[in-house]
Amino acid sequence: MTTMGVGEFKANFSEVLKKVLAGEEIVILYGKKKQVVAKLVPKATGKKIRRKIGILDGKAKVKFSTDFKMTEQEFLGI
């Protein structure tokens, strides 16, 4: 991970993009205190992780009271 000030970032923008395309992360600092204001990271190219369906199976339970009533219109928000 490389850190650089805003001025250096602006002056070397094309080179910074080449580094990011190569997989490097760039942290941009700003102000007299050199506070971190941004992090430039490469776009993920791998597959997205799919969420697992039924993750709460056996861990949570829904129970409706016997006097619970809802019309189809209420259910559908009509």
PDB file of N, CA and C in Angstrom:
ATOM      1  N   MET A   1       0.850  -1.165   0.000  1.00  0.00           N
ATOM      2  CA  MET A   1       0.000   0.000   0.000  1.00  0.00           C
ATOM      3  C   MET A   1       0.902   1.236   0.000  1.00  0.00           C
ATOM      4  N   THR A   2       0.599   2.166  -0.908  1.00  0.00           N
ATOM      5  CA  THR A   2       1.358   3.396  -1.042  1.00  0.00           C
ATOM      6  C   THR A   2       0.527   4.561  -0.523  1.00  0.00           C
ATOM      7  N   THR A   3       1.175   5.499   0.163  1.00  0.00           N
ATOM      8  CA  THR A   3       0.490   6.710   0.607  1.00  0.00           C
ATOM      9  C   THR A   3       1.079   7.896  -0.131  1.00  0.00           C
ATOM     10  N   MET A   4       0.239   8.870  -0.450  1.00  0.00           N
ATOM     11  CA  MET A   4       0.705  10.077  -1.124  1.00  0.00           C
ATOM     12  C   MET A   4      -0.232  11.237  -0.837  1.00  0.00           C
ATOM     13  N   GLY A   5       0.332  12.439  -0.862  1.00  0.00           N
ATOM     14  CA  GLY A   5      -0.456  13.645  -0.668  1.00  0.00           C
ATOM     15  C   GLY A   5      -1.268  13.965  -1.909  1.00  0.00           C
ATOM     16  N   VAL A   6      -2.203  14.892  -1.751  1.00  0.00           N
ATOM     17  CA  VAL A   6      -3.086  15.261  -2.863  1.00  0.00           C
ATOM     18  C   VAL A   6      -2.286  15.819  -4.030  1.00  0.00           C
ATOM     19  N   GLY A   7      -1.312  16.687  -3.755  1.00  0.00           N
ATOM     20  CA  GLY A   7      -0.498  17.280  -4.820  1.00  0.00           C
ATOM     21  C   GLY A   7       0.249  16.231  -5.619  1.00  0.00           C
ATOM     22  N   GLU A   8       0.862  15.294  -4.922  1.00  0.00           N
ATOM     23  CA  GLU A   8       1.580  14.211  -5.591  1.00  0.00           C
ATOM     24  C   GLU A   8       0.613  13.341  -6.394  1.00  0.00           C
ATOM     25  N   PHE A   9      -0.565  13.103  -5.836  1.00  0.00           N
ATOM     26  CA  PHE A   9      -1.587  12.313  -6.522  1.00  0.00           C
ATOM     27  C   PHE A   9      -2.001  12.994  -7.825  1.00  0.00           C
ATOM     28  N   LYS A  10      -2.259  14.303  -7.756  1.00  0.00           N
ATOM     29  CA  LYS A  10      -2.662  15.044  -8.950  1.00  0.00           C
ATOM     30  C   LYS A  10      -1.558  15.068 -10.001  1.00  0.00           C
ATOM     31  N   ALA A  11      -0.324  15.232  -9.563  1.00  0.00           N
ATOM     32  CA  ALA A  11       0.794  15.327 -10.500  1.00  0.00           C
ATOM     33  C   ALA A  11       1.096  14.000 -11.184  1.00  0.00           C
ATOM     34  N   ASN A  12       0.778  12.906 -10.528  1.00  0.00           N
ATOM     35  CA  ASN A  12       1.124  11.579 -11.054  1.00  0.00           C
ATOM     36  C   ASN A  12      -0.106  10.714 -11.286  1.00  0.00           C
ATOM     37  N   PHE A  13      -1.209  11.318 -11.679  1.00  0.00           N
ATOM     38  CA  PHE A  13      -2.473  10.595 -11.793  1.00  0.00           C
ATOM     39  C   PHE A  13      -2.381   9.375 -12.707  1.00  0.00           C
ATOM     40  N   SER A  14      -1.799   9.527 -13.872  1.00  0.00           N
ATOM     41  CA  SER A  14      -1.710   8.404 -14.823  1.00  0.00           C
ATOM     42  C   SER A  14      -0.894   7.250 -14.248  1.00  0.00           C
ATOM     43  N   GLU A  15       0.219   7.571 -13.602  1.00  0.00           N
ATOM     44  CA  GLU A  15       1.052   6.528 -13.002  1.00  0.00           C
ATOM     45  C   GLU A  15       0.322   5.837 -11.852  1.00  0.00           C
ATOM     46  N   VAL A  16      -0.445   6.625 -11.091  1.00  0.00           N
ATOM     47  CA  VAL A  16      -1.218   6.057  -9.982  1.00  0.00           C
ATOM     48  C   VAL A  16      -2.235   5.057 -10.520  1.00  0.00           C
ATOM     49  N   LEU A  17      -2.922   5.419 -11.594  1.00  0.00           N
ATOM     50  CA  LEU A  17      -3.901   4.499 -12.184  1.00  0.00           C
ATOM     51  C   LEU A  17      -3.233   3.223 -12.681  1.00  0.00           C
ATOM     52  N   LYS A  18      -2.042   3.330 -13.231  1.00  0.00           N
ATOM     53  CA  LYS A  18      -1.325   2.139 -13.682  1.00  0.00           C
ATOM     54  C   LYS A  18      -1.005   1.229 -12.502  1.00  0.00           C
ATOM     55  N   LYS A  19      -0.612   1.832 -11.363  1.00  0.00           N
ATOM     56  CA  LYS A  19      -0.316   1.043 -10.171  1.00  0.00           C
ATOM     57  C   LYS A  19      -1.571   0.341  -9.664  1.00  0.00           C
ATOM     58  N   VAL A  20      -2.688   1.052  -9.686  1.00  0.00           N
ATOM     59  CA  VAL A  20      -3.949   0.463  -9.221  1.00  0.00           C
ATOM     60  C   VAL A  20      -4.354  -0.682 -10.143  1.00  0.00           C
ATOM     61  N   LEU A  21      -4.214  -0.488 -11.437  1.00  0.00           N
ATOM     62  CA  LEU A  21      -4.529  -1.562 -12.377  1.00  0.00           C
ATOM     63  C   LEU A  21      -3.636  -2.782 -12.161  1.00  0.00           C
ATOM     64  N   ALA A  22      -2.438  -2.549 -11.646  1.00  0.00           N
ATOM     65  CA  ALA A  22      -1.515  -3.646 -11.363  1.00  0.00           C
ATOM     66  C   ALA A  22      -1.834  -4.330 -10.037  1.00  0.00           C
ATOM     67  N   GLY A  23      -2.838  -3.805  -9.295  1.00  0.00           N
ATOM     68  CA  GLY A  23      -3.261  -4.448  -8.059  1.00  0.00           C
ATOM     69  C   GLY A  23      -2.843  -3.738  -6.789  1.00  0.00           C
ATOM     70  N   GLU A  24      -2.189  -2.593  -6.892  1.00  0.00           N
ATOM     71  CA  GLU A  24      -1.717  -1.878  -5.709  1.00  0.00           C
ATOM     72  C   GLU A  24      -2.809  -0.971  -5.146  1.00  0.00           C
ATOM     73  N   GLU A  25      -2.827  -0.808  -3.832  1.00  0.00           N
ATOM     74  CA  GLU A  25      -3.756   0.105  -3.172  1.00  0.00           C
ATOM     75  C   GLU A  25      -3.033   1.415  -2.882  1.00  0.00           C
ATOM     76  N   ILE A  26      -3.719   2.539  -3.099  1.00  0.00           N
ATOM     77  CA  ILE A  26      -3.150   3.865  -2.889  1.00  0.00           C
ATOM     78  C   ILE A  26      -3.983   4.594  -1.847  1.00  0.00           C
ATOM     79  N   VAL A  27      -3.330   5.138  -0.816  1.00  0.00           N
ATOM     80  CA  VAL A  27      -3.999   5.925   0.214  1.00  0.00           C
ATOM     81  C   VAL A  27      -3.653   7.388  -0.033  1.00  0.00           C
ATOM     82  N   ILE A  28      -4.679   8.251  -0.053  1.00  0.00           N
ATOM     83  CA  ILE A  28      -4.481   9.675  -0.329  1.00  0.00           C
ATOM     84  C   ILE A  28      -4.610  10.467   0.968  1.00  0.00           C
ATOM     85  N   LEU A  29      -3.581  11.290   1.224  1.00  0.00           N
ATOM     86  CA  LEU A  29      -3.525  12.100   2.444  1.00  0.00           C
ATOM     87  C   LEU A  29      -3.822  13.552   2.105  1.00  0.00           C
ATOM     88  N   TYR A  30      -4.410  14.288   3.080  1.00  0.00           N
ATOM     89  CA  TYR A  30      -4.796  15.675   2.829  1.00  0.00           C
ATOM     90  C   TYR A  30      -4.553  16.529   4.064  1.00  0.00           C
ATOM     91  N   GLY A  31      -4.150  17.757   3.845  1.00  0.00           N
ATOM     92  CA  GLY A  31      -4.005  18.726   4.923  1.00  0.00           C
ATOM     93  C   GLY A  31      -2.647  18.693   5.596  1.00  0.00           C
ATOM     94  N   LYS A  32      -2.474  19.651   6.519  1.00  0.00           N
ATOM     95  CA  LYS A  32      -1.208  19.759   7.248  1.00  0.00           C
ATOM     96  C   LYS A  32      -0.953  18.537   8.117  1.00  0.00           C
ATOM     97  N   LYS A  33      -2.025  17.945   8.635  1.00  0.00           N
ATOM     98  CA  LYS A  33      -1.890  16.776   9.499  1.00  0.00           C
ATOM     99  C   LYS A  33      -1.793  15.477   8.716  1.00  0.00           C
ATOM    100  N   LYS A  34      -1.878  15.584   7.390  1.00  0.00           N
ATOM    101  CA  LYS A  34      -1.793  14.412   6.510  1.00  0.00           C
ATOM    102  C   LYS A  34      -2.797  13.335   6.921  1.00  0.00           C
ATOM    103  N   GLN A  35      -4.054  13.744   6.989  1.00  0.00           N
ATOM    104  CA  GLN A  35      -5.111  12.807   7.347  1.00  0.00           C
ATOM    105  C   GLN A  35      -5.541  12.007   6.120  1.00  0.00           C
ATOM    106  N   VAL A  36      -5.847  10.748   6.337  1.00  0.00           N
ATOM    107  CA  VAL A  36      -6.311   9.876   5.254  1.00  0.00           C
ATOM    108  C   VAL A  36      -7.714  10.317   4.850  1.00  0.00           C
ATOM    109  N   VAL A  37      -7.892  10.615   3.553  1.00  0.00           N
ATOM    110  CA  VAL A  37      -9.208  11.032   3.064  1.00  0.00           C
ATOM    111  C   VAL A  37      -9.784  10.057   2.044  1.00  0.00           C
ATOM    112  N   ALA A  38      -8.939   9.225   1.454  1.00  0.00           N
ATOM    113  CA  ALA A  38      -9.447   8.296   0.440  1.00  0.00           C
ATOM    114  C   ALA A  38      -8.490   7.120   0.289  1.00  0.00           C
ATOM    115  N   LYS A  39      -9.046   6.048  -0.248  1.00  0.00           N
ATOM    116  CA  LYS A  39      -8.252   4.856  -0.540  1.00  0.00           C
ATOM    117  C   LYS A  39      -8.676   4.373  -1.922  1.00  0.00           C
ATOM    118  N   LEU A  40      -7.733   4.284  -2.811  1.00  0.00           N
ATOM    119  CA  LEU A  40      -7.998   3.851  -4.179  1.00  0.00           C
ATOM    120  C   LEU A  40      -7.589   2.390  -4.284  1.00  0.00           C
ATOM    121  N   VAL A  41      -8.548   1.537  -4.601  1.00  0.00           N
ATOM    122  CA  VAL A  41      -8.295   0.094  -4.666  1.00  0.00           C
ATOM    123  C   VAL A  41      -8.716  -0.443  -6.023  1.00  0.00           C
ATOM    124  N   PRO A  42      -8.096  -1.530  -6.469  1.00  0.00           N
ATOM    125  CA  PRO A  42      -8.481  -2.114  -7.753  1.00  0.00           C
ATOM    126  C   PRO A  42      -9.900  -2.676  -7.703  1.00  0.00           C
ATOM    127  N   LYS A  43     -10.556  -2.627  -8.831  1.00  0.00           N
ATOM    128  CA  LYS A  43     -11.890  -3.206  -8.939  1.00  0.00           C
ATOM    129  C   LYS A  43     -11.775  -4.718  -8.821  1.00  0.00           C
ATOM    130  N   ALA A  44     -12.680  -5.303  -8.052  1.00  0.00           N
ATOM    131  CA  ALA A  44     -12.667  -6.758  -7.867  1.00  0.00           C
ATOM    132  C   ALA A  44     -12.998  -7.434  -9.185  1.00  0.00           C
ATOM    133  N   THR A  45     -12.215  -8.412  -9.536  1.00  0.00           N
ATOM    134  CA  THR A  45     -12.439  -9.115 -10.795  1.00  0.00           C
ATOM    135  C   THR A  45     -12.960 -10.525 -10.586  1.00  0.00           C
ATOM    136  N   GLY A  46     -12.904 -11.001  -9.348  1.00  0.00           N
ATOM    137  CA  GLY A  46     -13.354 -12.361  -9.071  1.00  0.00           C
ATOM    138  C   GLY A  46     -14.865 -12.463  -8.988  1.00  0.00           C
ATOM    139  N   LYS A  47     -15.321 -13.665  -8.766  1.00  0.00           N
ATOM    140  CA  LYS A  47     -16.750 -13.899  -8.627  1.00  0.00           C
ATOM    141  C   LYS A  47     -17.242 -13.325  -7.313  1.00  0.00           C
ATOM    142  N   LYS A  48     -18.455 -12.837  -7.326  1.00  0.00           N
ATOM    143  CA  LYS A  48     -19.059 -12.362  -6.098  1.00  0.00           C
ATOM    144  C   LYS A  48     -19.438 -13.564  -5.238  1.00  0.00           C
ATOM    145  N   ILE A  49     -19.290 -13.396  -3.946  1.00  0.00           N
ATOM    146  CA  ILE A  49     -19.667 -14.465  -3.035  1.00  0.00           C
ATOM    147  C   ILE A  49     -21.183 -14.467  -2.907  1.00  0.00           C
ATOM    148  N   ARG A  50     -21.771 -15.611  -3.165  1.00  0.00           N
ATOM    149  CA  ARG A  50     -23.224 -15.717  -3.088  1.00  0.00           C
ATOM    150  C   ARG A  50     -23.638 -15.912  -1.647  1.00  0.00           C
ATOM    151  N   ARG A  51     -24.725 -15.256  -1.280  1.00  0.00           N
ATOM    152  CA  ARG A  51     -25.246 -15.412   0.073  1.00  0.00           C
ATOM    153  C   ARG A  51     -25.918 -16.773   0.209  1.00  0.00           C
ATOM    154  N   LYS A  52     -25.741 -17.361   1.349  1.00  0.00           N
ATOM    155  CA  LYS A  52     -26.304 -18.669   1.608  1.00  0.00           C
ATOM    156  C   LYS A  52     -27.768 -18.523   2.034  1.00  0.00           C
ATOM    157  N   ILE A  53     -28.652 -19.217   1.357  1.00  0.00           N
ATOM    158  CA  ILE A  53     -30.068 -19.188   1.687  1.00  0.00           C
ATOM    159  C   ILE A  53     -30.292 -20.118   2.877  1.00  0.00           C
ATOM    160  N   GLY A  54     -31.118 -19.682   3.781  1.00  0.00           N
ATOM    161  CA  GLY A  54     -31.447 -20.512   4.929  1.00  0.00           C
ATOM    162  C   GLY A  54     -30.395 -20.464   6.019  1.00  0.00           C
ATOM    163  N   ILE A  55     -29.673 -19.359   6.106  1.00  0.00           N
ATOM    164  CA  ILE A  55     -28.592 -19.257   7.082  1.00  0.00           C
ATOM    165  C   ILE A  55     -29.102 -19.330   8.525  1.00  0.00           C
ATOM    166  N   LEU A  56     -30.369 -18.958   8.759  1.00  0.00           N
ATOM    167  CA  LEU A  56     -30.935 -19.006  10.104  1.00  0.00           C
ATOM    168  C   LEU A  56     -31.736 -20.279  10.366  1.00  0.00           C
ATOM    169  N   ASP A  57     -31.669 -21.217   9.442  1.00  0.00           N
ATOM    170  CA  ASP A  57     -32.414 -22.458   9.601  1.00  0.00           C
ATOM    171  C   ASP A  57     -32.013 -23.155  10.897  1.00  0.00           C
ATOM    172  N   GLY A  58     -32.988 -23.397  11.741  1.00  0.00           N
ATOM    173  CA  GLY A  58     -32.735 -24.045  13.016  1.00  0.00           C
ATOM    174  C   GLY A  58     -32.282 -23.092  14.109  1.00  0.00           C
ATOM    175  N   LYS A  59     -32.068 -21.817  13.779  1.00  0.00           N
ATOM    176  CA  LYS A  59     -31.605 -20.840  14.756  1.00  0.00           C
ATOM    177  C   LYS A  59     -32.681 -19.825  15.114  1.00  0.00           C
ATOM    178  N   ALA A  60     -33.686 -19.700  14.270  1.00  0.00           N
ATOM    179  CA  ALA A  60     -34.752 -18.728  14.505  1.00  0.00           C
ATOM    180  C   ALA A  60     -36.087 -19.395  14.225  1.00  0.00           C
ATOM    181  N   LYS A  61     -37.129 -18.867  14.858  1.00  0.00           N
ATOM    182  CA  LYS A  61     -38.444 -19.447  14.692  1.00  0.00           C
ATOM    183  C   LYS A  61     -39.469 -18.309  14.621  1.00  0.00           C
ATOM    184  N   VAL A  62     -40.463 -18.463  13.767  1.00  0.00           N
ATOM    185  CA  VAL A  62     -41.563 -17.508  13.663  1.00  0.00           C
ATOM    186  C   VAL A  62     -42.826 -18.216  14.099  1.00  0.00           C
ATOM    187  N   LYS A  63     -43.535 -17.593  15.007  1.00  0.00           N
ATOM    188  CA  LYS A  63     -44.764 -18.192  15.489  1.00  0.00           C
ATOM    189  C   LYS A  63     -45.845 -17.118  15.483  1.00  0.00           C
ATOM    190  N   PHE A  64     -46.963 -17.408  14.828  1.00  0.00           N
ATOM    191  CA  PHE A  64     -48.085 -16.483  14.772  1.00  0.00           C
ATOM    192  C   PHE A  64     -49.129 -16.889  15.808  1.00  0.00           C
ATOM    193  N   SER A  65     -49.701 -15.883  16.429  1.00  0.00           N
ATOM    194  CA  SER A  65     -50.749 -16.126  17.402  1.00  0.00           C
ATOM    195  C   SER A  65     -51.973 -16.692  16.690  1.00  0.00           C
ATOM    196  N   THR A  66     -52.781 -17.448  17.408  1.00  0.00           N
ATOM    197  CA  THR A  66     -53.971 -18.059  16.799  1.00  0.00           C
ATOM    198  C   THR A  66     -55.001 -17.015  16.393  1.00  0.00           C
ATOM    199  N   ASP A  67     -54.966 -15.843  17.022  1.00  0.00           N
ATOM    200  CA  ASP A  67     -55.949 -14.810  16.672  1.00  0.00           C
ATOM    201  C   ASP A  67     -55.389 -13.807  15.640  1.00  0.00           C
ATOM    202  N   PHE A  68     -54.244 -14.089  15.061  1.00  0.00           N
ATOM    203  CA  PHE A  68     -53.655 -13.203  14.056  1.00  0.00           C
ATOM    204  C   PHE A  68     -54.399 -13.354  12.743  1.00  0.00           C
ATOM    205  N   LYS A  69     -54.865 -12.227  12.208  1.00  0.00           N
ATOM    206  CA  LYS A  69     -55.585 -12.242  10.934  1.00  0.00           C
ATOM    207  C   LYS A  69     -55.070 -11.099  10.072  1.00  0.00           C
ATOM    208  N   MET A  70     -54.905 -11.394   8.790  1.00  0.00           N
ATOM    209  CA  MET A  70     -54.470 -10.374   7.846  1.00  0.00           C
ATOM    210  C   MET A  70     -55.125 -10.682   6.509  1.00  0.00           C
ATOM    211  N   THR A  71     -55.725  -9.678   5.922  1.00  0.00           N
ATOM    212  CA  THR A  71     -56.355  -9.874   4.613  1.00  0.00           C
ATOM    213  C   THR A  71     -55.282  -9.839   3.541  1.00  0.00           C
ATOM    214  N   GLU A  72     -55.651 -10.292   2.334  1.00  0.00           N
ATOM    215  CA  GLU A  72     -54.700 -10.233   1.217  1.00  0.00           C
ATOM    216  C   GLU A  72     -54.340  -8.804   0.895  1.00  0.00           C
ATOM    217  N   GLN A  73     -55.303  -7.877   1.003  1.00  0.00           N
ATOM    218  CA  GLN A  73     -55.023  -6.479   0.721  1.00  0.00           C
ATOM    219  C   GLN A  73     -54.011  -5.902   1.713  1.00  0.00           C
ATOM    220  N   GLU A  74     -54.140  -6.250   2.995  1.00  0.00           N
ATOM    221  CA  GLU A  74     -53.181  -5.788   3.990  1.00  0.00           C
ATOM    222  C   GLU A  74     -51.792  -6.370   3.720  1.00  0.00           C
ATOM    223  N   PHE A  75     -51.760  -7.642   3.362  1.00  0.00           N
ATOM    224  CA  PHE A  75     -50.514  -8.307   3.079  1.00  0.00           C
ATOM    225  C   PHE A  75     -49.792  -7.666   1.892  1.00  0.00           C
ATOM    226  N   LEU A  76     -50.564  -7.342   0.856  1.00  0.00           N
ATOM    227  CA  LEU A  76     -50.007  -6.756  -0.343  1.00  0.00           C
ATOM    228  C   LEU A  76     -49.810  -5.245  -0.232  1.00  0.00           C
ATOM    229  N   GLY A  77     -50.277  -4.641   0.849  1.00  0.00           N
ATOM    230  CA  GLY A  77     -50.127  -3.198   1.038  1.00  0.00           C
ATOM    231  C   GLY A  77     -51.045  -2.362   0.163  1.00  0.00           C
ATOM    232  N   ILE A  78     -52.201  -2.935  -0.192  1.00  0.00           N
ATOM    233  CA  ILE A  78     -53.158  -2.216  -1.050  1.00  0.00           C
ATOM    234  C   ILE A  78     -54.075  -1.367  -0.200  1.00  0.00           C
TER     235      ILE A  78
END
